[in-house]
Amino acid sequence: MNLLRFASCSNDNNGNNQTKNIVFGSTKYYVLCAAGGAISCGLTHTMLTPLDLIKCRIQVDPKRYRNITNGFLISYLHEGGLRGLGRGWAPTAFGYSCQGLGKFGFYELFKNFYSKILGPENSYHYRTSLYLAASASAEFFADIALAPFEACKVRTQTSKNCPSEFRRVVPLIYRQEGMAGFYKGLIPLWFRQIPYTMMKFACFERTVEWLYRNVVPKPRDKCSKVEQLTITFLAGYIAGIFCAIVSHPADTVVSKLNQDRGSTWINVLGKLGPIGVWKGLMPRIIMIGTLTAAQWFIYDGFKVWLSIPRPPPPMKPENFAIFSNDNNNIDIVEDKKD
């Protein structure tokens, strides 16, 4: 199988016993990938809580919070100081740890599963579609775990009448809106997170492939771990910029939706209009670019630390030239470039 063959020439070069105990595609492999995802997403989102707080407030009240600097000053001077800037950290930590567990764990699972269905040649030829399908499938399930925590986080950060403690927000939402209050933002959350994650994984995978092919003067297995993780961080930041842009309108809707009791995403979208949905884009680009780069760095570093198999950038199957000849000249040109 295509991805299994790629995995066999990854970190097994180290020859240590720990790598041999973690078989690519095994249950242990997926569990450890999920754990790495939980750490990378939970840690990074929690660290960026102050920036996320300002971003949400710009989205829901742009007249009061005009930009990043103004938002920080108002929040620090008039709304709780340093402690106030950390408002919402608990649901952020719990929610995005759960989401990261599902996002990365299921991505590895679905990528392997779909690759087996496609076969080696199709897995390589349609690898971008493979990344998109696997990441969309993973995020669909990850957001079900995230939605209740996201509702608590946004309510805490944007509603003046909401308590700041996570343990008090949960019963408040349940008392006012029942279980529906925790999941009313699930559909717009899917609209935000699924395109975001599709871009995050597909753009990252193809950027890494491009960097190793056109920028780095040697194969990945010849690079040091520091060099490999530097490429990971760079590709992650590039992917993060595109992630922020494609998912921002839905993110604004989610923020407004969870701020107001009894609101629906259709009503919120109508009130915001085509310009209002882009409020807070710049802080989100900074936030998501940094966030995505850090997540990939931590996730890849976690794999290096535990010697989890890390498949190198895709390579053409041996019979790919024959496969390409049945198509058009563009495929043949790409084959020669590779």
Foldseek 3Di string as FASTA:
>chain_A
DFLLVLLVPFLCVVVDPLQVVFRQPDPVLLQLQLQLQLCLQLVLQLVCQLLVLLLLQCLQPCPQNVASVSSVCCCQVPNPHPVSSNQLSVLSNQQRSLLRSQQRSQLSVQLVVVCVVLDNLRCVVVVLVSSLVSNLVSNLVSLVSNQQSLLLSLQRSHAPPADRDSVRSVVVQCVQPNPCSSCLLSVLVSQQVSLLRSLQRSQLLVQLVCCQQPPDPDFPVVDDPVVVLVSLLVSQLVSQLVSLVSRQLSVSLSSNQSNDPPDHSVVSDVVCDPVSSCGSSVSSSVSRSNSRSSSSSSSVVSCVVSVHRDRGRGDHDPCNCVVCVVDDVVSVVVVVSD
